[in-house]
Amino acid sequence: MKLGMLTACLPTWPLERVAAWAADTGYERLEVAVWPGTGGRDFEAAHIDVARFDAAEHDRVQGLLRETGLEISALAYYENNLHPDPGRRAEIRAHLKHAVDAAQALGVPYVGTFIGRDPSLSVPDNQREAERVLPELVDYAGERGVRLVIENCVMEGWHPDGHPGNIAYSPELWEWMFSLGLYLNWDPSHLMWLGIDPLATIAPYADRIAHAQAKDIELDPVARNRYGFFGTTAKNGDPWATGWWRYRVPGRGQVDWARVVDRLYETGFTGTLSVEHEDPLWGGTPEKVCQGLTIAHRTLRPLVVA
């Protein structure tokens, strides 16, 4: 197992600066954000230009990896592959293929994305649509030696009522998506607020957990008694507001990282545990983000055998 970090939390830094900082801090791998651009949403970064991935871009990335001694665990483009607008869906599909092409050129084994959801349709209807459109993407990646890994983020902010916007949030749905040839980028934080024990989900699906993300969560059961499971309806312009839980960096929430890492080792996981920083207390500026990433590293480094 190697300790890595998702670069999306530092969208204003070039990849060279992110890589130098990560290597100096003691991280071993990068999960590199490859959105077409930045500024549209939080935690969306363009650290490799996969749409115009030419020889110069290839040499730039390979050069900084040689300089820092880092590896790339995955390319990250987490978008809605079932977007209800056909034009937007086509754009997402095309960019995901660019990410796969760049991963092949760089020898990166995984590209991370979401299944997504059309919020106007039921989950079963979305499953049927996914069965229609996703196998071609799985085949496209497989022909290039790349696997698509799906993060189990609920993406409740994509749904107008705060319901799941990414139909990969539960083990029941994982079993379905595995049948399509997809793999899992396992993240315990999303499971916690859903009431699913993260530890109970590792061993049964160990052969499909290709990558793992380290994000913590802080739960407030008292606030949940007021708002209910789906969270507050008073969003005040923020579709992600729940009122009773928030993401934290590892070590500042309620995930038992010692037991999580131990269970991953027990089940033979040899991939990357990648810190995904979405902690509002350690965000807002690159300096604060780096402090949060340092807290995460100090929490996880003693647990992940170097």
C-alpha atoms as a PDB file:
ATOM      1  CA  MET A   1       0.000   0.000   0.000  1.00  0.00           C
ATOM      2  CA  LYS A   2       1.184   3.528  -0.820  1.00  0.00           C
ATOM      3  CA  LEU A   3       0.072   6.874   0.620  1.00  0.00           C
ATOM      4  CA  GLY A   4      -1.098   9.443  -1.920  1.00  0.00           C
ATOM      5  CA  MET A   5      -3.184  12.586  -2.291  1.00  0.00           C
ATOM      6  CA  LEU A   6      -5.754  13.907  -4.743  1.00  0.00           C
ATOM      7  CA  THR A   7      -4.459  17.107  -6.324  1.00  0.00           C
ATOM      8  CA  ALA A   8      -7.886  18.721  -6.828  1.00  0.00           C
ATOM      9  CA  CYS A   9      -7.691  20.609  -3.529  1.00  0.00           C
ATOM     10  CA  LEU A  10      -4.918  22.838  -4.933  1.00  0.00           C
ATOM     11  CA  PRO A  11      -6.464  24.034  -8.217  1.00  0.00           C
ATOM     12  CA  THR A  12      -4.415  27.249  -8.442  1.00  0.00           C
ATOM     13  CA  TRP A  13      -1.055  25.484  -8.188  1.00  0.00           C
ATOM     14  CA  PRO A  14       0.616  23.953 -11.240  1.00  0.00           C
ATOM     15  CA  LEU A  15       1.313  20.253 -11.036  1.00  0.00           C
ATOM     16  CA  GLU A  16       5.035  20.918 -10.609  1.00  0.00           C
ATOM     17  CA  ARG A  17       4.403  22.812  -7.385  1.00  0.00           C
ATOM     18  CA  VAL A  18       1.897  20.266  -6.088  1.00  0.00           C
ATOM     19  CA  ALA A  19       4.299  17.406  -6.787  1.00  0.00           C
ATOM     20  CA  ALA A  20       7.258  19.133  -5.142  1.00  0.00           C
ATOM     21  CA  TRP A  21       5.218  19.901  -2.028  1.00  0.00           C
ATOM     22  CA  ALA A  22       3.767  16.375  -1.845  1.00  0.00           C
ATOM     23  CA  ALA A  23       7.192  14.754  -2.169  1.00  0.00           C
ATOM     24  CA  ASP A  24       8.714  17.052   0.460  1.00  0.00           C
ATOM     25  CA  THR A  25       5.847  16.244   2.843  1.00  0.00           C
ATOM     26  CA  GLY A  26       6.269  12.499   2.407  1.00  0.00           C
ATOM     27  CA  TYR A  27       3.480  11.506   0.071  1.00  0.00           C
ATOM     28  CA  GLU A  28       4.350   8.767  -2.407  1.00  0.00           C
ATOM     29  CA  ARG A  29       1.694   9.036  -5.111  1.00  0.00           C
ATOM     30  CA  LEU A  30      -0.619  11.569  -6.722  1.00  0.00           C
ATOM     31  CA  GLU A  31      -4.192  11.072  -7.828  1.00  0.00           C
ATOM     32  CA  VAL A  32      -4.110  13.800 -10.470  1.00  0.00           C
ATOM     33  CA  ALA A  33      -7.153  15.958 -11.260  1.00  0.00           C
ATOM     34  CA  VAL A  34      -7.720  16.309 -15.024  1.00  0.00           C
ATOM     35  CA  TRP A  35     -10.850  18.438 -15.471  1.00  0.00           C
ATOM     36  CA  PRO A  36     -10.846  20.597 -18.622  1.00  0.00           C
ATOM     37  CA  GLY A  37     -10.439  23.727 -16.498  1.00  0.00           C
ATOM     38  CA  THR A  38     -10.877  25.211 -13.029  1.00  0.00           C
ATOM     39  CA  GLY A  39     -13.234  27.644 -11.406  1.00  0.00           C
ATOM     40  CA  GLY A  40     -16.541  25.932 -12.095  1.00  0.00           C
ATOM     41  CA  ARG A  41     -16.823  24.241  -8.716  1.00  0.00           C
ATOM     42  CA  ASP A  42     -14.759  23.603  -5.610  1.00  0.00           C
ATOM     43  CA  PHE A  43     -12.292  20.710  -5.826  1.00  0.00           C
ATOM     44  CA  GLU A  44     -12.074  20.808  -9.603  1.00  0.00           C
ATOM     45  CA  ALA A  45      -8.583  21.174 -11.065  1.00  0.00           C
ATOM     46  CA  ALA A  46      -6.789  20.817 -14.384  1.00  0.00           C
ATOM     47  CA  HIS A  47      -3.310  19.536 -13.543  1.00  0.00           C
ATOM     48  CA  ILE A  48      -2.781  17.611 -16.792  1.00  0.00           C
ATOM     49  CA  ASP A  49      -4.182  18.760 -20.131  1.00  0.00           C
ATOM     50  CA  VAL A  50      -5.576  15.417 -21.253  1.00  0.00           C
ATOM     51  CA  ALA A  51      -7.587  16.912 -24.129  1.00  0.00           C
ATOM     52  CA  ARG A  52      -4.365  18.093 -25.769  1.00  0.00           C
ATOM     53  CA  PHE A  53      -2.021  15.472 -24.440  1.00  0.00           C
ATOM     54  CA  ASP A  54       0.886  15.757 -26.845  1.00  0.00           C
ATOM     55  CA  ALA A  55       4.549  14.769 -26.564  1.00  0.00           C
ATOM     56  CA  ALA A  56       5.410  17.973 -24.707  1.00  0.00           C
ATOM     57  CA  GLU A  57       2.744  17.380 -22.055  1.00  0.00           C
ATOM     58  CA  HIS A  58       3.835  13.744 -21.730  1.00  0.00           C
ATOM     59  CA  ASP A  59       7.461  14.793 -21.226  1.00  0.00           C
ATOM     60  CA  ARG A  60       6.472  17.487 -18.722  1.00  0.00           C
ATOM     61  CA  VAL A  61       4.600  15.022 -16.526  1.00  0.00           C
ATOM     62  CA  GLN A  62       7.187  12.265 -16.783  1.00  0.00           C
ATOM     63  CA  GLY A  63       9.957  14.726 -16.012  1.00  0.00           C
ATOM     64  CA  LEU A  64       8.421  15.968 -12.786  1.00  0.00           C
ATOM     65  CA  LEU A  65       7.744  12.400 -11.680  1.00  0.00           C
ATOM     66  CA  ARG A  66      11.421  11.576 -12.189  1.00  0.00           C
ATOM     67  CA  GLU A  67      12.442  14.719 -10.310  1.00  0.00           C
ATOM     68  CA  THR A  68      10.213  14.077  -7.319  1.00  0.00           C
ATOM     69  CA  GLY A  69      10.224  10.269  -7.212  1.00  0.00           C
ATOM     70  CA  LEU A  70       6.410  10.263  -7.142  1.00  0.00           C
ATOM     71  CA  GLU A  71       4.060   7.983  -9.059  1.00  0.00           C
ATOM     72  CA  ILE A  72       0.570   8.681 -10.389  1.00  0.00           C
ATOM     73  CA  SER A  73      -1.987   6.312  -8.904  1.00  0.00           C
ATOM     74  CA  ALA A  74      -4.940   7.472 -11.025  1.00  0.00           C
ATOM     75  CA  LEU A  75      -6.273  10.309 -13.135  1.00  0.00           C
ATOM     76  CA  ALA A  76      -9.364  11.920 -11.614  1.00  0.00           C
ATOM     77  CA  TYR A  77     -12.341  13.225 -13.593  1.00  0.00           C
ATOM     78  CA  TYR A  78     -15.399  12.849 -11.378  1.00  0.00           C
ATOM     79  CA  GLU A  79     -18.380  13.854 -13.515  1.00  0.00           C
ATOM     80  CA  ASN A  80     -21.964  12.783 -14.219  1.00  0.00           C
ATOM     81  CA  ASN A  81     -21.818  10.168 -16.967  1.00  0.00           C
ATOM     82  CA  LEU A  82     -25.647  10.011 -16.931  1.00  0.00           C
ATOM     83  CA  HIS A  83     -26.128  13.770 -17.247  1.00  0.00           C
ATOM     84  CA  PRO A  84     -29.688  14.520 -18.397  1.00  0.00           C
ATOM     85  CA  ASP A  85     -28.536  17.031 -21.039  1.00  0.00           C
ATOM     86  CA  PRO A  86     -27.349  15.059 -24.100  1.00  0.00           C
ATOM     87  CA  GLY A  87     -24.849  17.714 -25.127  1.00  0.00           C
ATOM     88  CA  ARG A  88     -23.259  17.923 -21.698  1.00  0.00           C
ATOM     89  CA  ARG A  89     -23.199  14.140 -21.431  1.00  0.00           C
ATOM     90  CA  ALA A  90     -21.357  13.927 -24.750  1.00  0.00           C
ATOM     91  CA  GLU A  91     -18.768  16.456 -23.524  1.00  0.00           C
ATOM     92  CA  ILE A  92     -18.187  14.435 -20.354  1.00  0.00           C
ATOM     93  CA  ARG A  93     -17.886  11.206 -22.316  1.00  0.00           C
ATOM     94  CA  ALA A  94     -15.356  12.721 -24.726  1.00  0.00           C
ATOM     95  CA  HIS A  95     -13.222  14.137 -21.921  1.00  0.00           C
ATOM     96  CA  LEU A  96     -13.285  10.865 -20.013  1.00  0.00           C
ATOM     97  CA  LYS A  97     -11.894   9.164 -23.109  1.00  0.00           C
ATOM     98  CA  HIS A  98      -9.154  11.798 -23.281  1.00  0.00           C
ATOM     99  CA  ALA A  99      -8.305  10.939 -19.675  1.00  0.00           C
ATOM    100  CA  VAL A 100      -8.106   7.247 -20.565  1.00  0.00           C
ATOM    101  CA  ASP A 101      -5.819   8.020 -23.515  1.00  0.00           C
ATOM    102  CA  ALA A 102      -3.508  10.072 -21.286  1.00  0.00           C
ATOM    103  CA  ALA A 103      -3.496   7.340 -18.645  1.00  0.00           C
ATOM    104  CA  GLN A 104      -2.450   4.814 -21.262  1.00  0.00           C
ATOM    105  CA  ALA A 105       0.378   7.064 -22.452  1.00  0.00           C
ATOM    106  CA  LEU A 106       1.622   7.623 -18.909  1.00  0.00           C
ATOM    107  CA  GLY A 107       1.240   4.009 -17.779  1.00  0.00           C
ATOM    108  CA  VAL A 108      -1.378   4.994 -15.178  1.00  0.00           C
ATOM    109  CA  PRO A 109      -3.643   2.025 -14.361  1.00  0.00           C
ATOM    110  CA  TYR A 110      -6.848   3.826 -13.322  1.00  0.00           C
ATOM    111  CA  VAL A 111      -9.127   6.686 -14.267  1.00  0.00           C
ATOM    112  CA  GLY A 112     -11.617   7.716 -11.596  1.00  0.00           C
ATOM    113  CA  THR A 113     -15.117   8.989 -12.356  1.00  0.00           C
ATOM    114  CA  PHE A 114     -18.756   8.763 -11.230  1.00  0.00           C
ATOM    115  CA  ILE A 115     -21.638   6.844 -12.707  1.00  0.00           C
ATOM    116  CA  GLY A 116     -23.844   9.831 -11.948  1.00  0.00           C
ATOM    117  CA  ARG A 117     -27.600  10.062 -12.347  1.00  0.00           C
ATOM    118  CA  ASP A 118     -30.407  11.713 -14.260  1.00  0.00           C
ATOM    119  CA  PRO A 119     -32.305  13.212 -11.285  1.00  0.00           C
ATOM    120  CA  SER A 120     -35.613  13.036 -13.161  1.00  0.00           C
ATOM    121  CA  LEU A 121     -35.437   9.223 -13.278  1.00  0.00           C
ATOM    122  CA  SER A 122     -35.649   6.533 -10.617  1.00  0.00           C
ATOM    123  CA  VAL A 123     -32.559   4.597  -9.600  1.00  0.00           C
ATOM    124  CA  PRO A 124     -33.683   1.467 -11.542  1.00  0.00           C
ATOM    125  CA  ASP A 125     -34.287   3.549 -14.666  1.00  0.00           C
ATOM    126  CA  ASN A 126     -30.834   5.099 -14.273  1.00  0.00           C
ATOM    127  CA  GLN A 127     -29.370   1.621 -13.952  1.00  0.00           C
ATOM    128  CA  ARG A 128     -30.913   0.624 -17.273  1.00  0.00           C
ATOM    129  CA  GLU A 129     -29.504   3.759 -18.891  1.00  0.00           C
ATOM    130  CA  ALA A 130     -26.078   3.066 -17.405  1.00  0.00           C
ATOM    131  CA  GLU A 131     -26.215  -0.456 -18.778  1.00  0.00           C
ATOM    132  CA  ARG A 132     -26.792   1.078 -22.190  1.00  0.00           C
ATOM    133  CA  VAL A 133     -24.018   3.693 -22.171  1.00  0.00           C
ATOM    134  CA  LEU A 134     -21.250   2.606 -19.795  1.00  0.00           C
ATOM    135  CA  PRO A 135     -20.062  -0.727 -21.273  1.00  0.00           C
ATOM    136  CA  GLU A 136     -18.608   1.091 -24.288  1.00  0.00           C
ATOM    137  CA  LEU A 137     -16.534   3.278 -21.954  1.00  0.00           C
ATOM    138  CA  VAL A 138     -15.398   0.227 -19.982  1.00  0.00           C
ATOM    139  CA  ASP A 139     -14.346  -1.449 -23.229  1.00  0.00           C
ATOM    140  CA  TYR A 140     -12.588   1.694 -24.449  1.00  0.00           C
ATOM    141  CA  ALA A 141     -10.544   1.827 -21.247  1.00  0.00           C
ATOM    142  CA  GLY A 142      -9.882  -1.913 -21.169  1.00  0.00           C
ATOM    143  CA  GLU A 143      -8.535  -1.907 -24.719  1.00  0.00           C
ATOM    144  CA  ARG A 144      -5.953   0.620 -23.516  1.00  0.00           C
ATOM    145  CA  GLY A 145      -4.969  -1.252 -20.374  1.00  0.00           C
ATOM    146  CA  VAL A 146      -6.869   1.111 -18.081  1.00  0.00           C
ATOM    147  CA  ARG A 147      -9.616   0.407 -15.549  1.00  0.00           C
ATOM    148  CA  LEU A 148     -12.418   2.803 -14.651  1.00  0.00           C
ATOM    149  CA  VAL A 149     -12.830   3.204 -10.893  1.00  0.00           C
ATOM    150  CA  ILE A 150     -16.026   4.676  -9.456  1.00  0.00           C
ATOM    151  CA  GLU A 151     -15.975   6.605  -6.204  1.00  0.00           C
ATOM    152  CA  ASN A 152     -18.872   5.782  -3.882  1.00  0.00           C
ATOM    153  CA  CYS A 153     -19.634   9.460  -3.246  1.00  0.00           C
ATOM    154  CA  VAL A 154     -23.356  10.104  -2.880  1.00  0.00           C
ATOM    155  CA  MET A 155     -23.203  13.455  -4.747  1.00  0.00           C
ATOM    156  CA  GLU A 156     -26.392  14.572  -3.052  1.00  0.00           C
ATOM    157  CA  GLY A 157     -25.775  18.134  -4.253  1.00  0.00           C
ATOM    158  CA  TRP A 158     -26.527  16.992  -7.807  1.00  0.00           C
ATOM    159  CA  HIS A 159     -30.113  16.144  -6.842  1.00  0.00           C
ATOM    160  CA  PRO A 160     -32.608  18.968  -6.183  1.00  0.00           C
ATOM    161  CA  ASP A 161     -33.834  17.285  -2.996  1.00  0.00           C
ATOM    162  CA  GLY A 162     -30.484  16.095  -1.678  1.00  0.00           C
ATOM    163  CA  HIS A 163     -31.048  12.491  -2.743  1.00  0.00           C
ATOM    164  CA  PRO A 164     -28.200  10.437  -4.251  1.00  0.00           C
ATOM    165  CA  GLY A 165     -26.841  11.923  -7.459  1.00  0.00           C
ATOM    166  CA  ASN A 166     -24.352   9.114  -8.113  1.00  0.00           C
ATOM    167  CA  ILE A 167     -25.831   5.619  -8.133  1.00  0.00           C
ATOM    168  CA  ALA A 168     -22.779   3.956  -6.603  1.00  0.00           C
ATOM    169  CA  TYR A 169     -23.423   4.771  -2.961  1.00  0.00           C
ATOM    170  CA  SER A 170     -24.184   1.328  -1.479  1.00  0.00           C
ATOM    171  CA  PRO A 171     -22.802  -2.215  -1.646  1.00  0.00           C
ATOM    172  CA  GLU A 172     -26.047  -3.297  -3.321  1.00  0.00           C
ATOM    173  CA  LEU A 173     -25.282  -0.916  -6.179  1.00  0.00           C
ATOM    174  CA  TRP A 174     -21.576  -1.819  -6.206  1.00  0.00           C
ATOM    175  CA  GLU A 175     -22.486  -5.403  -7.009  1.00  0.00           C
ATOM    176  CA  TRP A 176     -24.526  -4.170  -9.952  1.00  0.00           C
ATOM    177  CA  MET A 177     -21.813  -1.856 -11.280  1.00  0.00           C
ATOM    178  CA  PHE A 178     -19.145  -4.558 -10.944  1.00  0.00           C
ATOM    179  CA  SER A 179     -21.200  -6.587 -13.416  1.00  0.00           C
ATOM    180  CA  LEU A 180     -20.556  -3.803 -15.939  1.00  0.00           C
ATOM    181  CA  GLY A 181     -16.780  -4.160 -15.566  1.00  0.00           C
ATOM    182  CA  LEU A 182     -16.302  -1.189 -13.247  1.00  0.00           C
ATOM    183  CA  TYR A 183     -14.090  -1.068 -10.153  1.00  0.00           C
ATOM    184  CA  LEU A 184     -14.365   0.827  -6.870  1.00  0.00           C
ATOM    185  CA  ASN A 185     -12.484   3.832  -5.537  1.00  0.00           C
ATOM    186  CA  TRP A 186     -13.504   3.131  -1.946  1.00  0.00           C
ATOM    187  CA  ASP A 187     -14.110   6.082   0.407  1.00  0.00           C
ATOM    188  CA  PRO A 188     -15.305   5.442   3.982  1.00  0.00           C
ATOM    189  CA  SER A 189     -16.569   8.971   4.659  1.00  0.00           C
ATOM    190  CA  HIS A 190     -19.641   8.619   2.449  1.00  0.00           C
ATOM    191  CA  LEU A 191     -20.563   5.303   4.008  1.00  0.00           C
ATOM    192  CA  MET A 192     -20.492   6.752   7.523  1.00  0.00           C
ATOM    193  CA  TRP A 193     -23.286   9.282   7.080  1.00  0.00           C
ATOM    194  CA  LEU A 194     -25.382   6.714   5.220  1.00  0.00           C
ATOM    195  CA  GLY A 195     -25.240   4.476   8.289  1.00  0.00           C
ATOM    196  CA  ILE A 196     -23.060   1.830   6.595  1.00  0.00           C
ATOM    197  CA  ASP A 197     -20.125   0.434   8.568  1.00  0.00           C
ATOM    198  CA  PRO A 198     -17.053   1.051   6.363  1.00  0.00           C
ATOM    199  CA  LEU A 199     -15.137  -1.867   7.849  1.00  0.00           C
ATOM    200  CA  ALA A 200     -17.917  -4.275   6.884  1.00  0.00           C
ATOM    201  CA  THR A 201     -17.588  -3.296   3.213  1.00  0.00           C
ATOM    202  CA  ILE A 202     -13.890  -4.059   2.698  1.00  0.00           C
ATOM    203  CA  ALA A 203     -13.531  -7.839   2.820  1.00  0.00           C
ATOM    204  CA  PRO A 204     -16.600  -8.721   0.707  1.00  0.00           C
ATOM    205  CA  TYR A 205     -15.430  -6.479  -2.137  1.00  0.00           C
ATOM    206  CA  ALA A 206     -11.661  -6.652  -1.742  1.00  0.00           C
ATOM    207  CA  ASP A 207     -11.159  -7.956  -5.275  1.00  0.00           C
ATOM    208  CA  ARG A 208     -12.896  -4.872  -6.693  1.00  0.00           C
ATOM    209  CA  ILE A 209     -11.387  -2.164  -4.478  1.00  0.00           C
ATOM    210  CA  ALA A 210      -8.707  -0.995  -6.894  1.00  0.00           C
ATOM    211  CA  HIS A 211      -8.045   2.373  -5.253  1.00  0.00           C
ATOM    212  CA  ALA A 212      -9.040   3.968  -1.943  1.00  0.00           C
ATOM    213  CA  GLN A 213      -9.573   7.528  -0.795  1.00  0.00           C
ATOM    214  CA  ALA A 214      -8.865   8.811   2.683  1.00  0.00           C
ATOM    215  CA  LYS A 215     -11.470  11.359   3.691  1.00  0.00           C
ATOM    216  CA  ASP A 216     -12.836  11.709   7.201  1.00  0.00           C
ATOM    217  CA  ILE A 217     -16.254  12.874   8.379  1.00  0.00           C
ATOM    218  CA  GLU A 218     -17.699  14.558  11.460  1.00  0.00           C
ATOM    219  CA  LEU A 219     -21.273  13.572  12.333  1.00  0.00           C
ATOM    220  CA  ASP A 220     -23.679  15.559  14.542  1.00  0.00           C
ATOM    221  CA  PRO A 221     -26.530  13.261  15.654  1.00  0.00           C
ATOM    222  CA  VAL A 222     -28.231  16.077  17.588  1.00  0.00           C
ATOM    223  CA  ALA A 223     -28.560  18.148  14.419  1.00  0.00           C
ATOM    224  CA  ARG A 224     -29.751  15.065  12.545  1.00  0.00           C
ATOM    225  CA  ASN A 225     -32.629  14.813  15.017  1.00  0.00           C
ATOM    226  CA  ARG A 226     -33.801  18.186  13.701  1.00  0.00           C
ATOM    227  CA  TYR A 227     -33.101  17.880   9.980  1.00  0.00           C
ATOM    228  CA  GLY A 228     -33.451  14.169   9.363  1.00  0.00           C
ATOM    229  CA  PHE A 229     -31.231  11.906   7.330  1.00  0.00           C
ATOM    230  CA  PHE A 230     -31.405  13.986   4.118  1.00  0.00           C
ATOM    231  CA  GLY A 231     -30.319  17.151   5.894  1.00  0.00           C
ATOM    232  CA  THR A 232     -31.639  20.687   6.078  1.00  0.00           C
ATOM    233  CA  THR A 233     -33.981  22.020   3.400  1.00  0.00           C
ATOM    234  CA  ALA A 234     -32.669  25.559   4.018  1.00  0.00           C
ATOM    235  CA  LYS A 235     -29.747  25.300   1.613  1.00  0.00           C
ATOM    236  CA  ASN A 236     -29.282  29.079   1.273  1.00  0.00           C
ATOM    237  CA  GLY A 237     -27.750  28.695  -2.147  1.00  0.00           C
ATOM    238  CA  ASP A 238     -25.476  25.792  -1.226  1.00  0.00           C
ATOM    239  CA  PRO A 239     -26.818  22.479  -2.602  1.00  0.00           C
ATOM    240  CA  TRP A 240     -24.261  20.591  -0.508  1.00  0.00           C
ATOM    241  CA  ALA A 241     -25.429  21.963   2.856  1.00  0.00           C
ATOM    242  CA  THR A 242     -26.708  19.168   5.106  1.00  0.00           C
ATOM    243  CA  GLY A 243     -26.616  20.715   8.564  1.00  0.00           C
ATOM    244  CA  TRP A 244     -25.601  17.562  10.391  1.00  0.00           C
ATOM    245  CA  TRP A 245     -22.303  16.315   8.937  1.00  0.00           C
ATOM    246  CA  ARG A 246     -19.200  17.681   7.250  1.00  0.00           C
ATOM    247  CA  TYR A 247     -16.064  16.233   5.703  1.00  0.00           C
ATOM    248  CA  ARG A 248     -12.797  16.426   7.626  1.00  0.00           C
ATOM    249  CA  VAL A 249      -9.178  15.540   6.960  1.00  0.00           C
ATOM    250  CA  PRO A 250      -8.095  12.156   8.355  1.00  0.00           C
ATOM    251  CA  GLY A 251      -7.534  12.460  12.064  1.00  0.00           C
ATOM    252  CA  ARG A 252     -10.143  15.151  12.635  1.00  0.00           C
ATOM    253  CA  GLY A 253     -13.295  13.089  12.181  1.00  0.00           C
ATOM    254  CA  GLN A 254     -14.818   9.809  13.298  1.00  0.00           C
ATOM    255  CA  VAL A 255     -13.353   7.276  10.857  1.00  0.00           C
ATOM    256  CA  ASP A 256     -11.189   4.730  12.707  1.00  0.00           C
ATOM    257  CA  TRP A 257      -8.175   4.899  10.410  1.00  0.00           C
ATOM    258  CA  ALA A 258      -6.109   2.344  12.328  1.00  0.00           C
ATOM    259  CA  ARG A 259      -8.820  -0.274  11.820  1.00  0.00           C
ATOM    260  CA  VAL A 260      -9.499   0.786   8.211  1.00  0.00           C
ATOM    261  CA  VAL A 261      -5.849   0.494   7.184  1.00  0.00           C
ATOM    262  CA  ASP A 262      -5.453  -2.743   9.113  1.00  0.00           C
ATOM    263  CA  ARG A 263      -8.482  -4.258   7.342  1.00  0.00           C
ATOM    264  CA  LEU A 264      -7.174  -3.139   3.952  1.00  0.00           C
ATOM    265  CA  TYR A 265      -3.889  -4.881   4.712  1.00  0.00           C
ATOM    266  CA  GLU A 266      -5.712  -7.958   5.978  1.00  0.00           C
ATOM    267  CA  THR A 267      -7.617  -8.296   2.707  1.00  0.00           C
ATOM    268  CA  GLY A 268      -4.494  -7.903   0.582  1.00  0.00           C
ATOM    269  CA  PHE A 269      -4.947  -4.343  -0.672  1.00  0.00           C
ATOM    270  CA  THR A 270      -1.744  -3.207  -2.377  1.00  0.00           C
ATOM    271  CA  GLY A 271      -3.035  -0.056  -4.076  1.00  0.00           C
ATOM    272  CA  THR A 272      -3.066   3.591  -3.078  1.00  0.00           C
ATOM    273  CA  LEU A 273      -4.724   5.245  -0.094  1.00  0.00           C
ATOM    274  CA  SER A 274      -5.233   8.749  -1.484  1.00  0.00           C
ATOM    275  CA  VAL A 275      -6.086  11.694   0.769  1.00  0.00           C
ATOM    276  CA  GLU A 276      -9.072  13.655  -0.561  1.00  0.00           C
ATOM    277  CA  HIS A 277      -9.108  17.027   1.179  1.00  0.00           C
ATOM    278  CA  GLU A 278     -12.569  18.614   1.478  1.00  0.00           C
ATOM    279  CA  ASP A 279     -12.303  19.855   5.066  1.00  0.00           C
ATOM    280  CA  PRO A 280     -13.838  23.360   5.413  1.00  0.00           C
ATOM    281  CA  LEU A 281     -11.794  24.088   8.540  1.00  0.00           C
ATOM    282  CA  TRP A 282      -8.538  23.526   6.659  1.00  0.00           C
ATOM    283  CA  GLY A 283      -9.475  25.170   3.387  1.00  0.00           C
ATOM    284  CA  GLY A 284      -9.937  28.537   1.760  1.00  0.00           C
ATOM    285  CA  THR A 285      -6.297  29.196   0.908  1.00  0.00           C
ATOM    286  CA  PRO A 286      -3.498  26.972  -0.415  1.00  0.00           C
ATOM    287  CA  GLU A 287      -1.665  27.477   2.863  1.00  0.00           C
ATOM    288  CA  LYS A 288      -4.583  26.167   4.915  1.00  0.00           C
ATOM    289  CA  VAL A 289      -5.109  23.277   2.486  1.00  0.00           C
ATOM    290  CA  CYS A 290      -1.464  22.279   2.879  1.00  0.00           C
ATOM    291  CA  GLN A 291      -1.846  22.378   6.645  1.00  0.00           C
ATOM    292  CA  GLY A 292      -4.804  20.022   6.321  1.00  0.00           C
ATOM    293  CA  LEU A 293      -2.854  17.701   4.048  1.00  0.00           C
ATOM    294  CA  THR A 294      -0.032  17.708   6.583  1.00  0.00           C
ATOM    295  CA  ILE A 295      -2.468  16.706   9.352  1.00  0.00           C
ATOM    296  CA  ALA A 296      -3.707  13.874   7.140  1.00  0.00           C
ATOM    297  CA  HIS A 297      -0.172  12.723   6.408  1.00  0.00           C
ATOM    298  CA  ARG A 298       0.771  12.725  10.105  1.00  0.00           C
ATOM    299  CA  THR A 299      -2.346  10.674  10.860  1.00  0.00           C
ATOM    300  CA  LEU A 300      -1.890   8.072   8.122  1.00  0.00           C
ATOM    301  CA  ARG A 301       1.881   7.797   7.699  1.00  0.00           C
ATOM    302  CA  PRO A 302       2.384   5.728  10.886  1.00  0.00           C
ATOM    303  CA  LEU A 303      -0.330   3.315   9.688  1.00  0.00           C
ATOM    304  CA  VAL A 304       0.800   2.780   6.076  1.00  0.00           C
ATOM    305  CA  VAL A 305       3.987   0.748   6.082  1.00  0.00           C
ATOM    306  CA  ALA A 306       6.633   2.547   4.033  1.00  0.00           C
END
